[in-house]
Amino acid sequence: MSFKGITVMVPEENLGNITAADDAAIFQSLIGSDGVLSIGNKFAVTVISNNDVRVSDGVLCVGGHIGRITYGDYNDMTIENGILGENRNDIIYAKFLTSGNYDTFTLEVKKGDSVAGTAKDPEFTKGVLYENATLREIPLWRVKLEELSIVAVEQMFTVIPTIPELLTMVNLKGSAADVNALKTSVNTINTKLTAGYVAGTAEFKYKGAWD
């Protein structure tokens, strides 16, 4: 199939010609990266016990595909028991899997290896969905276990700013003239913003990068 018109009117009998992959391509071109969008609780976590970590509401983008935990709801993630004398890193991650005809988009826990020394993260597959890869896995939270206890939960994702937040970060007032005056593309801005975030915080440090 060659070019495909998406925002077009079609005869009623042809409705349903727009696919999730079409929408994902649009979202990916606008958002530009994987991450959690700046709305709600942004997938904040609470340690309920040494076997349960709760992920609160938010909106997630993986390869342009959008997933959501609705406001007031949550996902409880099960962490397997630790082992005496050993350490482990488990990762709460987003998994997008497609057969080409059917997709699944889930939050899961990938268990790391238990070791006597410094624990390492498990590996992830980050296929490019736009280029017809079938699997993309994006780490969200690192759950660090020392023996039987969860000792830390560390953020691994970028919070993607809204357009008003983005304009504030670059000291613009949001007028059309200011926006048109930007000398970089949206993707370049996203790259610089990502470089400017301090891991696990909302602090923005990247200054003097807009010349």
Protein backbone atom coordinates (compact mmCIF):
# COMPACT_ATOMS: atom_id res chain seq x y z
CA MET A 1 0.00 0.00 0.00
CA SER A 2 1.32 3.45 -0.86
CA PHE A 3 0.11 6.83 0.47
CA LYS A 4 -2.94 6.69 2.72
CA GLY A 5 -5.18 9.63 3.51
CA ILE A 6 -6.12 9.57 7.20
CA THR A 7 -8.12 12.72 7.95
CA VAL A 8 -10.52 12.23 5.06
CA MET A 9 -14.23 11.53 4.71
CA VAL A 10 -15.06 8.10 3.28
CA PRO A 11 -18.31 6.38 2.26
CA GLU A 12 -20.14 5.00 5.28
CA GLU A 13 -19.57 1.40 4.21
CA ASN A 14 -15.81 2.02 4.37
CA LEU A 15 -15.72 3.26 7.97
CA GLY A 16 -13.06 1.69 10.15
CA ASN A 17 -10.22 2.17 7.68
CA ILE A 18 -8.10 4.03 10.27
CA THR A 19 -5.93 1.73 12.40
CA ALA A 20 -4.23 2.05 15.78
CA ALA A 21 -0.91 2.11 13.90
CA ASP A 22 -2.08 5.19 11.98
CA ASP A 23 -2.86 7.03 15.21
CA ALA A 24 0.39 5.84 16.79
CA ALA A 25 2.41 7.27 13.88
CA ILE A 26 0.74 10.66 14.42
CA PHE A 27 1.30 10.62 18.19
CA GLN A 28 4.92 9.55 17.76
CA SER A 29 5.58 12.38 15.31
CA LEU A 30 4.10 14.90 17.78
CA ILE A 31 5.38 13.54 21.11
CA GLY A 32 8.72 12.39 19.73
CA SER A 33 9.74 9.89 22.42
CA ASP A 34 8.60 7.30 24.91
CA GLY A 35 7.63 8.54 28.33
CA VAL A 36 4.93 9.53 30.78
CA LEU A 37 2.87 12.58 29.84
CA SER A 38 2.53 15.51 32.22
CA ILE A 39 -0.97 14.90 33.55
CA GLY A 40 -2.41 13.49 36.77
CA ASN A 41 -0.11 11.61 39.13
CA LYS A 42 2.26 10.62 36.31
CA PHE A 43 2.48 6.95 37.30
CA ALA A 44 3.76 7.75 40.80
CA VAL A 45 4.46 4.67 42.89
CA THR A 46 3.77 3.66 46.48
CA VAL A 47 5.41 0.67 48.17
CA ILE A 48 2.56 -1.24 49.80
CA SER A 49 4.68 -4.12 51.10
CA ASN A 50 7.82 -6.05 50.16
CA ASN A 51 5.68 -7.86 47.58
CA ASP A 52 3.45 -5.06 46.27
CA VAL A 53 4.16 -1.75 44.53
CA ARG A 54 1.21 0.42 43.49
CA VAL A 55 1.34 2.53 40.31
CA SER A 56 -1.10 5.43 40.30
CA ASP A 57 -2.87 7.20 37.43
CA GLY A 58 -1.23 8.69 34.37
CA VAL A 59 -0.83 8.53 30.61
CA LEU A 60 2.02 6.68 28.89
CA CYS A 61 3.40 6.78 25.35
CA VAL A 62 5.33 3.82 23.92
CA GLY A 63 6.25 4.12 20.25
CA GLY A 64 3.31 6.46 19.75
CA HIS A 65 0.86 4.03 21.33
CA ILE A 66 -1.00 5.50 24.28
CA GLY A 67 -1.88 3.69 27.52
CA ARG A 68 -3.62 5.05 30.58
CA ILE A 69 -4.47 4.36 34.20
CA THR A 70 -7.60 6.41 34.81
CA TYR A 71 -7.73 9.07 37.52
CA GLY A 72 -8.39 7.55 40.94
CA ASP A 73 -7.45 4.07 39.75
CA TYR A 74 -4.14 2.20 40.09
CA ASN A 75 -2.19 -0.92 39.12
CA ASP A 76 -0.77 -3.14 41.85
CA MET A 77 2.44 -4.84 40.71
CA THR A 78 3.58 -8.05 42.41
CA ILE A 79 7.23 -8.35 43.39
CA GLU A 80 8.49 -11.87 44.09
CA ASN A 81 10.16 -12.59 47.43
CA GLY A 82 13.79 -11.65 47.83
CA ILE A 83 16.46 -14.10 48.98
CA LEU A 84 18.52 -13.89 52.16
CA GLY A 85 22.07 -12.76 51.44
CA GLU A 86 21.29 -11.69 47.86
CA ASN A 87 20.22 -8.55 45.99
CA ARG A 88 17.99 -8.07 42.95
CA ASN A 89 16.68 -5.36 40.62
CA ASP A 90 13.14 -5.90 39.35
CA ILE A 91 11.77 -3.51 36.74
CA ILE A 92 8.18 -2.34 36.37
CA TYR A 93 7.86 -1.77 32.65
CA ALA A 94 5.44 -1.12 29.80
CA LYS A 95 5.18 -3.88 27.20
CA PHE A 96 3.69 -3.34 23.73
CA LEU A 97 3.37 -6.52 21.69
CA THR A 98 1.72 -6.91 18.30
CA SER A 99 0.99 -9.79 15.99
CA GLY A 100 0.27 -7.36 13.17
CA ASN A 101 -3.46 -7.91 13.60
CA TYR A 102 -3.83 -7.79 17.36
CA ASP A 103 -2.00 -5.70 19.98
CA THR A 104 -1.49 -6.00 23.72
CA PHE A 105 -0.28 -3.11 25.89
CA THR A 106 0.41 -3.99 29.52
CA LEU A 107 2.31 -3.05 32.65
CA GLU A 108 4.43 -5.94 33.91
CA VAL A 109 7.32 -6.77 36.23
CA LYS A 110 10.56 -8.17 34.83
CA LYS A 111 12.50 -10.04 37.50
CA GLY A 112 16.25 -9.51 37.68
CA ASP A 113 18.88 -12.03 38.70
CA SER A 114 19.59 -12.49 42.41
CA VAL A 115 23.28 -11.99 43.19
CA ALA A 116 25.45 -11.72 46.28
CA GLY A 117 26.92 -8.38 45.16
CA THR A 118 25.62 -5.46 43.11
CA ALA A 119 22.41 -6.29 41.28
CA LYS A 120 22.02 -5.56 37.56
CA ASP A 121 18.91 -4.67 35.59
CA PRO A 122 17.32 -7.28 33.31
CA GLU A 123 17.51 -6.62 29.57
CA PHE A 124 14.72 -5.16 27.45
CA THR A 125 13.69 -5.31 23.79
CA LYS A 126 13.12 -1.87 22.27
CA GLY A 127 11.97 -2.62 18.75
CA VAL A 128 10.93 0.35 16.60
CA LEU A 129 7.19 -0.16 16.21
CA TYR A 130 6.94 2.38 13.36
CA GLU A 131 9.35 0.15 11.40
CA ASN A 132 7.14 -2.92 11.97
CA ALA A 133 8.91 -4.34 15.03
CA THR A 134 6.57 -6.52 17.08
CA LEU A 135 7.84 -5.85 20.63
CA ARG A 136 8.83 -2.72 22.54
CA GLU A 137 9.55 -2.75 26.28
CA ILE A 138 10.08 0.50 28.20
CA PRO A 139 11.35 0.50 31.82
CA LEU A 140 9.37 2.69 34.21
CA TRP A 141 10.51 1.95 37.76
CA ARG A 142 13.50 0.05 39.17
CA VAL A 143 12.56 -1.84 42.35
CA LYS A 144 15.73 -2.52 44.34
CA LEU A 145 15.65 -5.45 46.71
CA GLU A 146 18.27 -6.17 49.36
CA GLU A 147 17.65 -9.62 50.76
CA LEU A 148 13.94 -9.72 51.67
CA SER A 149 13.24 -5.99 51.59
CA ILE A 150 12.46 -3.35 48.97
CA VAL A 151 14.97 -0.61 49.77
CA ALA A 152 14.30 1.83 46.91
CA VAL A 153 12.10 2.44 43.88
CA GLU A 154 13.83 4.56 41.21
CA GLN A 155 12.22 6.39 38.29
CA MET A 156 13.53 5.36 34.86
CA PHE A 157 11.23 7.30 32.52
CA THR A 158 11.11 10.87 31.23
CA VAL A 159 8.11 13.06 31.99
CA ILE A 160 7.18 14.65 28.66
CA PRO A 161 6.16 18.29 29.17
CA THR A 162 2.97 19.84 27.84
CA ILE A 163 3.26 22.61 25.25
CA PRO A 164 2.65 25.37 27.87
CA GLU A 165 5.32 23.80 30.10
CA LEU A 166 7.68 23.61 27.15
CA LEU A 167 7.14 27.27 26.31
CA THR A 168 7.76 28.25 29.92
CA MET A 169 11.01 26.26 29.95
CA VAL A 170 12.38 28.21 27.01
CA ASN A 171 11.16 31.51 28.44
CA LEU A 172 8.56 32.16 25.76
CA LYS A 173 5.17 33.70 26.37
CA GLY A 174 3.35 31.33 24.06
CA SER A 175 2.49 33.69 21.19
CA ALA A 176 2.43 32.42 17.63
CA ALA A 177 5.32 34.73 16.76
CA ASP A 178 7.45 33.31 19.55
CA VAL A 179 6.70 29.74 18.54
CA ASN A 180 7.58 30.46 14.91
CA ALA A 181 10.84 32.02 16.06
CA LEU A 182 12.14 28.72 17.47
CA LYS A 183 15.20 27.67 15.49
CA THR A 184 15.00 24.00 16.31
CA SER A 185 12.57 21.28 15.41
CA VAL A 186 10.28 19.67 17.98
CA ASN A 187 12.41 16.52 17.99
CA THR A 188 15.54 18.52 18.77
CA ILE A 189 13.75 20.27 21.63
CA ASN A 190 12.61 16.91 23.01
CA THR A 191 16.20 15.66 22.92
CA LYS A 192 17.50 18.68 24.78
CA LEU A 193 14.71 18.51 27.35
CA THR A 194 15.47 14.85 27.99
CA ALA A 195 19.13 15.70 28.50
CA GLY A 196 18.11 18.40 30.96
CA TYR A 197 16.07 16.35 33.36
CA VAL A 198 17.72 15.08 36.52
CA ALA A 199 16.89 11.40 36.85
CA GLY A 200 14.06 10.79 39.28
CA THR A 201 13.20 14.49 39.79
CA ALA A 202 11.27 17.27 38.11
CA GLU A 203 14.29 19.58 38.22
CA PHE A 204 15.28 21.13 34.91
CA LYS A 205 18.94 22.04 34.58
CA TYR A 206 19.57 22.41 30.86
CA LYS A 207 20.32 26.10 30.32
CA GLY A 208 21.89 27.93 27.41
CA ALA A 209 20.96 25.14 25.03
CA TRP A 210 18.58 27.05 22.83
CA ASP A 211 21.09 29.03 20.70
